[in-house]
Amino acid sequence: MHTKFAVIGDSFAEGVGDEWPDGSPRGWADLVAGGLAAASDRTFTYANLAIRGKLLAPILDDQLPAALRLGPDLLSISGGNNDILRPRVSIAANARRIMAGLDAAVRTGTDVLFVTVADMTRHLPLGRLIRRRGDEYADHIRSWADRPNVTVVDNWTDAGFQDLALWAPDRLHLNTLGHRRVAANVLTALGVPLPTWDGAVRLAERASTIEHLRVHVLPWVGRRLTGRSSGDGRTPKSATLGPVRE
């Protein structure tokens, strides 16, 4: 049984779209950590180094070495999602970089999860273009499922995420229901019993298409055009291994 769980990635792994009562991000990784802790009869610790908006390069160059220095026995990697939203990207080159990162992590003795994002393209402008890239990326990721000590959790092809009720108002990030579904997929892949997640889920009112463009899409485009990121200046929510938040 794993006792030290570390997570790296972008907003998907940070938990954007699902919040603790104090407004800080929770998300599927926190829920998975809780499930692993509940199933363990030993002291369990968890770190989450993911930061929203990050491209693949800083995830692998900065977050991965920092996570491995913690000595986890289970490491979750997710990333490359923001890259496929950029005007130009080489999916094959990114896949090779990730595979090298997986191999480096496995060589340290840790088991590795690669958790894919859910397919958000049906809810976004230019969704068909992004979906083609996402499908190519998902094909690469699925090919890693037979690698020793690697578990692939494929949310991209989970048809349940076509339901807009699982998405936050920006239609780019999952809401509480969506993050719970990812957590269930991950725990099931690990063979861990699913806990009961208490608390009512309050769904945000859906904005019109025009309002969605004004409030969410145009600011996102503006950051891309100016080279800014929603993660600029942010630090990881839990950069060291510690107890799982209740």
Foldseek 3Di string as FASTA:
>chain_A
DWAEEEEEEACQQLAPQEADPVRGHQFLNLQLQVLVCVQDPDHHWYFYFYYHFDALVCRLVPVLVLRVVQVGQEYEYEHRLVVLVDPDDDLVVSLVSVVVSCVVSVVSNHQYEYEYDAQLLVPDVVSVSSVVSVVVNLVSQVVCCPPPSYHYQDNHPVVVVVDCQQPAQLSPYGHPNVRLVSNVSVCVSVVTDRDDDDDDGDHDDHDDPVVSCVPHVVVVVVCSVVVHGPRVPPGTPGSHIDHRDD
